[in-house]
Amino acid sequence: ADDYRRAGERQLEVYYQRYVPFDRDHTLAVERR
């Protein structure tokens, strides 16, 4: 389970560093039904 948790942390870290400061688009909805 720790292997999967660390994989999740790596994915979030790489995503964050790629898109920060998250101003390339305007978010209209998140987890929207």
PDB file of all heavy atoms in Angstrom:
ATOM      1  N   ALA A   1       0.831  -1.204   0.000  1.00  0.00           N
ATOM      2  CA  ALA A   1       0.000   0.000   0.000  1.00  0.00           C
ATOM      3  C   ALA A   1       0.866   1.254   0.000  1.00  0.00           C
ATOM      4  O   ALA A   1       0.530   2.258  -0.642  1.00  0.00           O
ATOM      5  CB  ALA A   1      -0.927  -0.018   1.214  1.00  0.00           C
ATOM      6  N   ASP A   2       1.988   1.215   0.701  1.00  0.00           N
ATOM      7  CA  ASP A   2       2.887   2.376   0.727  1.00  0.00           C
ATOM      8  C   ASP A   2       3.466   2.669  -0.657  1.00  0.00           C
ATOM      9  O   ASP A   2       3.716   3.831  -1.001  1.00  0.00           O
ATOM     10  CB  ASP A   2       4.018   2.151   1.731  1.00  0.00           C
ATOM     11  CG  ASP A   2       3.562   2.335   3.169  1.00  0.00           C
ATOM     12  OD1 ASP A   2       2.504   2.983   3.366  1.00  0.00           O
ATOM     13  OD2 ASP A   2       4.242   1.836   4.074  1.00  0.00           O
ATOM     14  N   ASP A   3       3.704   1.624  -1.435  1.00  0.00           N
ATOM     15  CA  ASP A   3       4.187   1.839  -2.806  1.00  0.00           C
ATOM     16  C   ASP A   3       3.163   2.642  -3.607  1.00  0.00           C
ATOM     17  O   ASP A   3       3.521   3.558  -4.355  1.00  0.00           O
ATOM     18  CB  ASP A   3       4.453   0.503  -3.493  1.00  0.00           C
ATOM     19  CG  ASP A   3       5.630  -0.239  -2.906  1.00  0.00           C
ATOM     20  OD1 ASP A   3       6.614   0.420  -2.512  1.00  0.00           O
ATOM     21  OD2 ASP A   3       5.577  -1.488  -2.830  1.00  0.00           O
ATOM     22  N   TYR A   4       1.902   2.308  -3.458  1.00  0.00           N
ATOM     23  CA  TYR A   4       0.854   3.032  -4.177  1.00  0.00           C
ATOM     24  C   TYR A   4       0.726   4.465  -3.660  1.00  0.00           C
ATOM     25  O   TYR A   4       0.509   5.396  -4.431  1.00  0.00           O
ATOM     26  CB  TYR A   4      -0.480   2.297  -4.040  1.00  0.00           C
ATOM     27  CG  TYR A   4      -0.598   1.092  -4.942  1.00  0.00           C
ATOM     28  CD1 TYR A   4      -0.194  -0.172  -4.510  1.00  0.00           C
ATOM     29  CD2 TYR A   4      -1.127   1.212  -6.226  1.00  0.00           C
ATOM     30  CE1 TYR A   4      -0.300  -1.280  -5.333  1.00  0.00           C
ATOM     31  CE2 TYR A   4      -1.232   0.103  -7.054  1.00  0.00           C
ATOM     32  CZ  TYR A   4      -0.817  -1.142  -6.608  1.00  0.00           C
ATOM     33  OH  TYR A   4      -0.925  -2.236  -7.431  1.00  0.00           O
ATOM     34  N   ARG A   5       0.838   4.634  -2.346  1.00  0.00           N
ATOM     35  CA  ARG A   5       0.751   5.988  -1.789  1.00  0.00           C
ATOM     36  C   ARG A   5       1.879   6.865  -2.315  1.00  0.00           C
ATOM     37  O   ARG A   5       1.655   8.012  -2.715  1.00  0.00           O
ATOM     38  CB  ARG A   5       0.791   5.931  -0.257  1.00  0.00           C
ATOM     39  CG  ARG A   5       0.768   7.307   0.404  1.00  0.00           C
ATOM     40  CD  ARG A   5       0.898   7.197   1.906  1.00  0.00           C
ATOM     41  NE  ARG A   5       2.057   6.413   2.312  1.00  0.00           N
ATOM     42  CZ  ARG A   5       3.312   6.859   2.294  1.00  0.00           C
ATOM     43  NH1 ARG A   5       3.593   8.076   1.852  1.00  0.00           N
ATOM     44  NH2 ARG A   5       4.299   6.075   2.693  1.00  0.00           N
ATOM     45  N   ARG A   6       3.097   6.320  -2.345  1.00  0.00           N
ATOM     46  CA  ARG A   6       4.228   7.100  -2.854  1.00  0.00           C
ATOM     47  C   ARG A   6       4.050   7.402  -4.340  1.00  0.00           C
ATOM     48  O   ARG A   6       4.430   8.471  -4.816  1.00  0.00           O
ATOM     49  CB  ARG A   6       5.537   6.352  -2.602  1.00  0.00           C
ATOM     50  CG  ARG A   6       5.986   6.383  -1.142  1.00  0.00           C
ATOM     51  CD  ARG A   6       7.400   5.853  -0.986  1.00  0.00           C
ATOM     52  NE  ARG A   6       7.456   4.421  -1.224  1.00  0.00           N
ATOM     53  CZ  ARG A   6       7.336   3.500  -0.251  1.00  0.00           C
ATOM     54  NH1 ARG A   6       7.154   3.889   1.001  1.00  0.00           N
ATOM     55  NH2 ARG A   6       7.411   2.212  -0.530  1.00  0.00           N
ATOM     56  N   ALA A   7       3.465   6.458  -5.089  1.00  0.00           N
ATOM     57  CA  ALA A   7       3.202   6.704  -6.510  1.00  0.00           C
ATOM     58  C   ALA A   7       2.233   7.871  -6.671  1.00  0.00           C
ATOM     59  O   ALA A   7       2.406   8.724  -7.557  1.00  0.00           O
ATOM     60  CB  ALA A   7       2.634   5.446  -7.162  1.00  0.00           C
ATOM     61  N   GLY A   8       1.203   7.924  -5.821  1.00  0.00           N
ATOM     62  CA  GLY A   8       0.269   9.042  -5.860  1.00  0.00           C
ATOM     63  C   GLY A   8       0.945  10.362  -5.553  1.00  0.00           C
ATOM     64  O   GLY A   8       0.672  11.388  -6.203  1.00  0.00           O
ATOM     65  N   GLU A   9       1.849  10.363  -4.584  1.00  0.00           N
ATOM     66  CA  GLU A   9       2.580  11.593  -4.253  1.00  0.00           C
ATOM     67  C   GLU A   9       3.431  12.056  -5.427  1.00  0.00           C
ATOM     68  O   GLU A   9       3.482  13.252  -5.748  1.00  0.00           O
ATOM     69  CB  GLU A   9       3.457  11.355  -3.021  1.00  0.00           C
ATOM     70  CG  GLU A   9       2.670  11.142  -1.738  1.00  0.00           C
ATOM     71  CD  GLU A   9       3.572  10.836  -0.555  1.00  0.00           C
ATOM     72  OE1 GLU A   9       4.818  10.892  -0.723  1.00  0.00           O
ATOM     73  OE2 GLU A   9       3.049  10.529   0.527  1.00  0.00           O
ATOM     74  N   ARG A  10       4.089  11.098  -6.100  1.00  0.00           N
ATOM     75  CA  ARG A  10       4.922  11.463  -7.254  1.00  0.00           C
ATOM     76  C   ARG A  10       4.061  12.042  -8.383  1.00  0.00           C
ATOM     77  O   ARG A  10       4.445  13.029  -9.018  1.00  0.00           O
ATOM     78  CB  ARG A  10       5.692  10.241  -7.758  1.00  0.00           C
ATOM     79  CG  ARG A  10       6.852   9.821  -6.882  1.00  0.00           C
ATOM     80  CD  ARG A  10       7.760   8.831  -7.609  1.00  0.00           C
ATOM     81  NE  ARG A  10       7.051   7.601  -7.975  1.00  0.00           N
ATOM     82  CZ  ARG A  10       6.944   6.543  -7.178  1.00  0.00           C
ATOM     83  NH1 ARG A  10       7.481   6.576  -5.959  1.00  0.00           N
ATOM     84  NH2 ARG A  10       6.312   5.459  -7.584  1.00  0.00           N
ATOM     85  N   GLN A  11       2.919  11.424  -8.637  1.00  0.00           N
ATOM     86  CA  GLN A  11       2.052  11.928  -9.695  1.00  0.00           C
ATOM     87  C   GLN A  11       1.596  13.352  -9.408  1.00  0.00           C
ATOM     88  O   GLN A  11       1.599  14.212 -10.301  1.00  0.00           O
ATOM     89  CB  GLN A  11       0.844  11.000  -9.852  1.00  0.00           C
ATOM     90  CG  GLN A  11       1.191   9.629 -10.413  1.00  0.00           C
ATOM     91  CD  GLN A  11      -0.028   8.741 -10.567  1.00  0.00           C
ATOM     92  OE1 GLN A  11      -1.160   9.224 -10.540  1.00  0.00           O
ATOM     93  NE2 GLN A  11       0.187   7.437 -10.730  1.00  0.00           N
ATOM     94  N   LEU A  12       1.205  13.617  -8.183  1.00  0.00           N
ATOM     95  CA  LEU A  12       0.752  14.961  -7.809  1.00  0.00           C
ATOM     96  C   LEU A  12       1.890  15.968  -7.888  1.00  0.00           C
ATOM     97  O   LEU A  12       1.708  17.108  -8.344  1.00  0.00           O
ATOM     98  CB  LEU A  12       0.161  14.936  -6.401  1.00  0.00           C
ATOM     99  CG  LEU A  12      -1.198  14.227  -6.281  1.00  0.00           C
ATOM    100  CD1 LEU A  12      -1.522  13.969  -4.817  1.00  0.00           C
ATOM    101  CD2 LEU A  12      -2.296  15.054  -6.937  1.00  0.00           C
ATOM    102  N   GLU A  13       3.079  15.555  -7.465  1.00  0.00           N
ATOM    103  CA  GLU A  13       4.231  16.461  -7.504  1.00  0.00           C
ATOM    104  C   GLU A  13       4.587  16.834  -8.935  1.00  0.00           C
ATOM    105  O   GLU A  13       4.813  18.014  -9.251  1.00  0.00           O
ATOM    106  CB  GLU A  13       5.421  15.817  -6.801  1.00  0.00           C
ATOM    107  CG  GLU A  13       6.654  16.716  -6.732  1.00  0.00           C
ATOM    108  CD  GLU A  13       7.774  16.095  -5.925  1.00  0.00           C
ATOM    109  OE1 GLU A  13       7.595  14.989  -5.384  1.00  0.00           O
ATOM    110  OE2 GLU A  13       8.851  16.737  -5.843  1.00  0.00           O
ATOM    111  N   VAL A  14       4.630  15.850  -9.821  1.00  0.00           N
ATOM    112  CA  VAL A  14       4.967  16.119 -11.224  1.00  0.00           C
ATOM    113  C   VAL A  14       3.897  16.989 -11.869  1.00  0.00           C
ATOM    114  O   VAL A  14       4.210  17.934 -12.608  1.00  0.00           O
ATOM    115  CB  VAL A  14       5.134  14.789 -11.995  1.00  0.00           C
ATOM    116  CG1 VAL A  14       5.239  15.044 -13.491  1.00  0.00           C
ATOM    117  CG2 VAL A  14       6.363  14.039 -11.498  1.00  0.00           C
ATOM    118  N   TYR A  15       2.633  16.707 -11.583  1.00  0.00           N
ATOM    119  CA  TYR A  15       1.540  17.508 -12.148  1.00  0.00           C
ATOM    120  C   TYR A  15       1.630  18.952 -11.644  1.00  0.00           C
ATOM    121  O   TYR A  15       1.491  19.908 -12.422  1.00  0.00           O
ATOM    122  CB  TYR A  15       0.188  16.903 -11.754  1.00  0.00           C
ATOM    123  CG  TYR A  15      -0.990  17.661 -12.307  1.00  0.00           C
ATOM    124  CD1 TYR A  15      -1.464  17.409 -13.582  1.00  0.00           C
ATOM    125  CD2 TYR A  15      -1.631  18.634 -11.552  1.00  0.00           C
ATOM    126  CE1 TYR A  15      -2.545  18.107 -14.104  1.00  0.00           C
ATOM    127  CE2 TYR A  15      -2.711  19.343 -12.061  1.00  0.00           C
ATOM    128  CZ  TYR A  15      -3.163  19.078 -13.335  1.00  0.00           C
ATOM    129  OH  TYR A  15      -4.234  19.791 -13.847  1.00  0.00           O
ATOM    130  N   TYR A  16       1.864  19.114 -10.358  1.00  0.00           N
ATOM    131  CA  TYR A  16       1.956  20.450  -9.771  1.00  0.00           C
ATOM    132  C   TYR A  16       3.073  21.248 -10.430  1.00  0.00           C
ATOM    133  O   TYR A  16       2.877  22.409 -10.831  1.00  0.00           O
ATOM    134  CB  TYR A  16       2.209  20.311  -8.268  1.00  0.00           C
ATOM    135  CG  TYR A  16       2.222  21.613  -7.500  1.00  0.00           C
ATOM    136  CD1 TYR A  16       1.099  22.042  -6.811  1.00  0.00           C
ATOM    137  CD2 TYR A  16       3.374  22.400  -7.431  1.00  0.00           C
ATOM    138  CE1 TYR A  16       1.105  23.231  -6.087  1.00  0.00           C
ATOM    139  CE2 TYR A  16       3.396  23.586  -6.725  1.00  0.00           C
ATOM    140  CZ  TYR A  16       2.256  24.000  -6.051  1.00  0.00           C
ATOM    141  OH  TYR A  16       2.265  25.175  -5.348  1.00  0.00           O
ATOM    142  N   GLN A  17       4.244  20.663 -10.531  1.00  0.00           N
ATOM    143  CA  GLN A  17       5.387  21.383 -11.095  1.00  0.00           C
ATOM    144  C   GLN A  17       5.187  21.723 -12.572  1.00  0.00           C
ATOM    145  O   GLN A  17       5.700  22.731 -13.059  1.00  0.00           O
ATOM    146  CB  GLN A  17       6.653  20.548 -10.910  1.00  0.00           C
ATOM    147  CG  GLN A  17       7.073  20.423  -9.444  1.00  0.00           C
ATOM    148  CD  GLN A  17       8.205  19.439  -9.235  1.00  0.00           C
ATOM    149  OE1 GLN A  17       8.496  18.607 -10.116  1.00  0.00           O
ATOM    150  NE2 GLN A  17       8.833  19.491  -8.075  1.00  0.00           N
ATOM    151  N   ARG A  18       4.403  20.919 -13.276  1.00  0.00           N
ATOM    152  CA  ARG A  18       4.170  21.185 -14.698  1.00  0.00           C
ATOM    153  C   ARG A  18       3.184  22.336 -14.915  1.00  0.00           C
ATOM    154  O   ARG A  18       3.360  23.134 -15.845  1.00  0.00           O
ATOM    155  CB  ARG A  18       3.634  19.923 -15.377  1.00  0.00           C
ATOM    156  CG  ARG A  18       3.283  20.129 -16.852  1.00  0.00           C
ATOM    157  CD  ARG A  18       2.947  18.826 -17.544  1.00  0.00           C
ATOM    158  NE  ARG A  18       2.602  19.023 -18.942  1.00  0.00           N
ATOM    159  CZ  ARG A  18       2.403  18.042 -19.815  1.00  0.00           C
ATOM    160  NH1 ARG A  18       2.528  16.780 -19.425  1.00  0.00           N
ATOM    161  NH2 ARG A  18       2.092  18.309 -21.067  1.00  0.00           N
ATOM    162  N   TYR A  19       2.163  22.452 -14.048  1.00  0.00           N
ATOM    163  CA  TYR A  19       1.086  23.399 -14.331  1.00  0.00           C
ATOM    164  C   TYR A  19       1.040  24.610 -13.403  1.00  0.00           C
ATOM    165  O   TYR A  19       0.256  25.535 -13.668  1.00  0.00           O
ATOM    166  CB  TYR A  19      -0.261  22.680 -14.281  1.00  0.00           C
ATOM    167  CG  TYR A  19      -0.430  21.692 -15.406  1.00  0.00           C
ATOM    168  CD1 TYR A  19      -0.235  20.325 -15.184  1.00  0.00           C
ATOM    169  CD2 TYR A  19      -0.761  22.103 -16.692  1.00  0.00           C
ATOM    170  CE1 TYR A  19      -0.381  19.406 -16.211  1.00  0.00           C
ATOM    171  CE2 TYR A  19      -0.903  21.190 -17.720  1.00  0.00           C
ATOM    172  CZ  TYR A  19      -0.709  19.841 -17.473  1.00  0.00           C
ATOM    173  OH  TYR A  19      -0.850  18.944 -18.502  1.00  0.00           O
ATOM    174  N   VAL A  20       1.810  24.598 -12.313  1.00  0.00           N
ATOM    175  CA  VAL A  20       1.822  25.763 -11.441  1.00  0.00           C
ATOM    176  C   VAL A  20       2.214  27.004 -12.258  1.00  0.00           C
ATOM    177  O   VAL A  20       3.083  26.918 -13.127  1.00  0.00           O
ATOM    178  CB  VAL A  20       2.785  25.531 -10.245  1.00  0.00           C
ATOM    179  CG1 VAL A  20       4.233  25.536 -10.691  1.00  0.00           C
ATOM    180  CG2 VAL A  20       2.538  26.511  -9.124  1.00  0.00           C
ATOM    181  N   PRO A  21       1.568  28.150 -12.099  1.00  0.00           N
ATOM    182  CA  PRO A  21       0.577  28.561 -11.085  1.00  0.00           C
ATOM    183  C   PRO A  21      -0.883  28.316 -11.497  1.00  0.00           C
ATOM    184  O   PRO A  21      -1.787  29.001 -10.999  1.00  0.00           O
ATOM    185  CB  PRO A  21       0.857  30.048 -10.933  1.00  0.00           C
ATOM    186  CG  PRO A  21       1.259  30.482 -12.314  1.00  0.00           C
ATOM    187  CD  PRO A  21       2.023  29.310 -12.893  1.00  0.00           C
ATOM    188  N   PHE A  22      -1.135  27.397 -12.416  1.00  0.00           N
ATOM    189  CA  PHE A  22      -2.493  26.964 -12.763  1.00  0.00           C
ATOM    190  C   PHE A  22      -3.337  28.105 -13.336  1.00  0.00           C
ATOM    191  O   PHE A  22      -4.518  28.252 -13.022  1.00  0.00           O
ATOM    192  CB  PHE A  22      -3.191  26.353 -11.540  1.00  0.00           C
ATOM    193  CG  PHE A  22      -2.371  25.293 -10.867  1.00  0.00           C
ATOM    194  CD1 PHE A  22      -1.673  25.563  -9.693  1.00  0.00           C
ATOM    195  CD2 PHE A  22      -2.238  24.033 -11.433  1.00  0.00           C
ATOM    196  CE1 PHE A  22      -0.892  24.598  -9.078  1.00  0.00           C
ATOM    197  CE2 PHE A  22      -1.459  23.053 -10.828  1.00  0.00           C
ATOM    198  CZ  PHE A  22      -0.780  23.333  -9.653  1.00  0.00           C
ATOM    199  N   ASP A  23      -2.695  28.891 -14.199  1.00  0.00           N
ATOM    200  CA  ASP A  23      -3.391  30.024 -14.807  1.00  0.00           C
ATOM    201  C   ASP A  23      -3.499  29.898 -16.327  1.00  0.00           C
ATOM    202  O   ASP A  23      -3.762  30.878 -17.022  1.00  0.00           O
ATOM    203  CB  ASP A  23      -2.669  31.332 -14.449  1.00  0.00           C
ATOM    204  CG  ASP A  23      -1.202  31.329 -14.892  1.00  0.00           C
ATOM    205  OD1 ASP A  23      -0.733  30.296 -15.440  1.00  0.00           O
ATOM    206  OD2 ASP A  23      -0.524  32.350 -14.673  1.00  0.00           O
ATOM    207  N   ARG A  24      -3.294  28.676 -16.859  1.00  0.00           N
ATOM    208  CA  ARG A  24      -3.377  28.495 -18.308  1.00  0.00           C
ATOM    209  C   ARG A  24      -4.816  28.427 -18.790  1.00  0.00           C
ATOM    210  O   ARG A  24      -5.077  28.550 -19.991  1.00  0.00           O
ATOM    211  CB  ARG A  24      -2.649  27.214 -18.726  1.00  0.00           C
ATOM    212  CG  ARG A  24      -1.207  27.162 -18.276  1.00  0.00           C
ATOM    213  CD  ARG A  24      -0.533  25.883 -18.756  1.00  0.00           C
ATOM    214  NE  ARG A  24       0.743  25.667 -18.098  1.00  0.00           N
ATOM    215  CZ  ARG A  24       1.559  24.658 -18.364  1.00  0.00           C
ATOM    216  NH1 ARG A  24       1.217  23.760 -19.283  1.00  0.00           N
ATOM    217  NH2 ARG A  24       2.703  24.521 -17.713  1.00  0.00           N
ATOM    218  N   ASP A  25      -5.740  28.173 -17.868  1.00  0.00           N
ATOM    219  CA  ASP A  25      -7.150  28.114 -18.227  1.00  0.00           C
ATOM    220  C   ASP A  25      -7.979  28.546 -17.034  1.00  0.00           C
ATOM    221  O   ASP A  25      -7.462  28.720 -15.924  1.00  0.00           O
ATOM    222  CB  ASP A  25      -7.539  26.689 -18.669  1.00  0.00           C
ATOM    223  CG  ASP A  25      -7.178  25.644 -17.627  1.00  0.00           C
ATOM    224  OD1 ASP A  25      -7.619  25.769 -16.466  1.00  0.00           O
ATOM    225  OD2 ASP A  25      -6.425  24.705 -17.958  1.00  0.00           O
ATOM    226  N   HIS A  26      -9.268  28.702 -17.271  1.00  0.00           N
ATOM    227  CA  HIS A  26     -10.187  29.074 -16.202  1.00  0.00           C
ATOM    228  C   HIS A  26     -11.056  27.868 -15.862  1.00  0.00           C
ATOM    229  O   HIS A  26     -11.732  27.308 -16.732  1.00  0.00           O
ATOM    230  CB  HIS A  26     -11.075  30.244 -16.649  1.00  0.00           C
ATOM    231  CG  HIS A  26     -12.144  30.592 -15.660  1.00  0.00           C
ATOM    232  ND1 HIS A  26     -11.870  31.152 -14.440  1.00  0.00           N
ATOM    233  CD2 HIS A  26     -13.501  30.428 -15.708  1.00  0.00           C
ATOM    234  CE1 HIS A  26     -12.993  31.341 -13.779  1.00  0.00           C
ATOM    235  NE2 HIS A  26     -14.006  30.906 -14.531  1.00  0.00           N
ATOM    236  N   THR A  27     -11.031  27.455 -14.607  1.00  0.00           N
ATOM    237  CA  THR A  27     -11.811  26.294 -14.177  1.00  0.00           C
ATOM    238  C   THR A  27     -13.272  26.682 -14.012  1.00  0.00           C
ATOM    239  O   THR A  27     -13.613  27.571 -13.231  1.00  0.00           O
ATOM    240  CB  THR A  27     -11.261  25.728 -12.865  1.00  0.00           C
ATOM    241  OG1 THR A  27      -9.924  25.254 -13.074  1.00  0.00           O
ATOM    242  CG2 THR A  27     -12.125  24.572 -12.369  1.00  0.00           C
ATOM    243  N   LEU A  28     -14.136  25.980 -14.755  1.00  0.00           N
ATOM    244  CA  LEU A  28     -15.578  26.233 -14.692  1.00  0.00           C
ATOM    245  C   LEU A  28     -16.268  25.318 -13.686  1.00  0.00           C
ATOM    246  O   LEU A  28     -17.253  25.712 -13.061  1.00  0.00           O
ATOM    247  CB  LEU A  28     -16.202  26.022 -16.076  1.00  0.00           C
ATOM    248  CG  LEU A  28     -15.664  26.916 -17.196  1.00  0.00           C
ATOM    249  CD1 LEU A  28     -16.165  26.427 -18.549  1.00  0.00           C
ATOM    250  CD2 LEU A  28     -16.085  28.361 -16.964  1.00  0.00           C
ATOM    251  N   ALA A  29     -15.782  24.107 -13.556  1.00  0.00           N
ATOM    252  CA  ALA A  29     -16.405  23.151 -12.640  1.00  0.00           C
ATOM    253  C   ALA A  29     -15.399  22.068 -12.277  1.00  0.00           C
ATOM    254  O   ALA A  29     -14.518  21.733 -13.069  1.00  0.00           O
ATOM    255  CB  ALA A  29     -17.646  22.519 -13.281  1.00  0.00           C
ATOM    256  N   VAL A  30     -15.547  21.527 -11.067  1.00  0.00           N
ATOM    257  CA  VAL A  30     -14.701  20.437 -10.589  1.00  0.00           C
ATOM    258  C   VAL A  30     -15.614  19.351 -10.018  1.00  0.00           C
ATOM    259  O   VAL A  30     -16.511  19.635  -9.220  1.00  0.00           O
ATOM    260  CB  VAL A  30     -13.711  20.917  -9.504  1.00  0.00           C
ATOM    261  CG1 VAL A  30     -12.811  19.773  -9.062  1.00  0.00           C
ATOM    262  CG2 VAL A  30     -12.880  22.076 -10.014  1.00  0.00           C
ATOM    263  N   GLU A  31     -15.382  18.093 -10.442  1.00  0.00           N
ATOM    264  CA  GLU A  31     -16.202  16.968  -9.985  1.00  0.00           C
ATOM    265  C   GLU A  31     -17.687  17.302 -10.124  1.00  0.00           C
ATOM    266  O   GLU A  31     -18.482  17.125  -9.201  1.00  0.00           O
ATOM    267  CB  GLU A  31     -15.862  16.594  -8.541  1.00  0.00           C
ATOM    268  CG  GLU A  31     -14.435  16.096  -8.352  1.00  0.00           C
ATOM    269  CD  GLU A  31     -14.156  14.783  -9.087  1.00  0.00           C
ATOM    270  OE1 GLU A  31     -15.120  14.012  -9.290  1.00  0.00           O
ATOM    271  OE2 GLU A  31     -12.985  14.543  -9.446  1.00  0.00           O
ATOM    272  N   ARG A  32     -18.053  17.762 -11.315  1.00  0.00           N
ATOM    273  CA  ARG A  32     -19.424  18.217 -11.575  1.00  0.00           C
ATOM    274  C   ARG A  32     -20.278  17.076 -12.138  1.00  0.00           C
ATOM    275  O   ARG A  32     -19.908  16.431 -13.115  1.00  0.00           O
ATOM    276  CB  ARG A  32     -19.385  19.380 -12.564  1.00  0.00           C
ATOM    277  CG  ARG A  32     -20.718  19.818 -13.143  1.00  0.00           C
ATOM    278  CD  ARG A  32     -21.632  20.445 -12.104  1.00  0.00           C
ATOM    279  NE  ARG A  32     -22.902  20.845 -12.693  1.00  0.00           N
ATOM    280  CZ  ARG A  32     -23.166  22.077 -13.139  1.00  0.00           C
ATOM    281  NH1 ARG A  32     -22.242  23.026 -13.066  1.00  0.00           N
ATOM    282  NH2 ARG A  32     -24.347  22.366 -13.649  1.00  0.00           N
ATOM    283  N   ARG A  33     -21.427  16.848 -11.507  1.00  0.00           N
ATOM    284  CA  ARG A  33     -22.385  15.870 -12.018  1.00  0.00           C
ATOM    285  C   ARG A  33     -23.177  16.498 -13.154  1.00  0.00           C
ATOM    286  O   ARG A  33     -23.671  17.628 -13.031  1.00  0.00           O
ATOM    287  CB  ARG A  33     -23.328  15.427 -10.912  1.00  0.00           C
ATOM    288  CG  ARG A  33     -24.412  14.446 -11.341  1.00  0.00           C
ATOM    289  CD  ARG A  33     -25.274  14.091 -10.135  1.00  0.00           C
ATOM    290  NE  ARG A  33     -26.352  13.169 -10.471  1.00  0.00           N
ATOM    291  CZ  ARG A  33     -27.576  13.553 -10.835  1.00  0.00           C
ATOM    292  NH1 ARG A  33     -27.868  14.843 -10.936  1.00  0.00           N
ATOM    293  NH2 ARG A  33     -28.504  12.646 -11.106  1.00  0.00           N
TER     294      ARG A  33
END
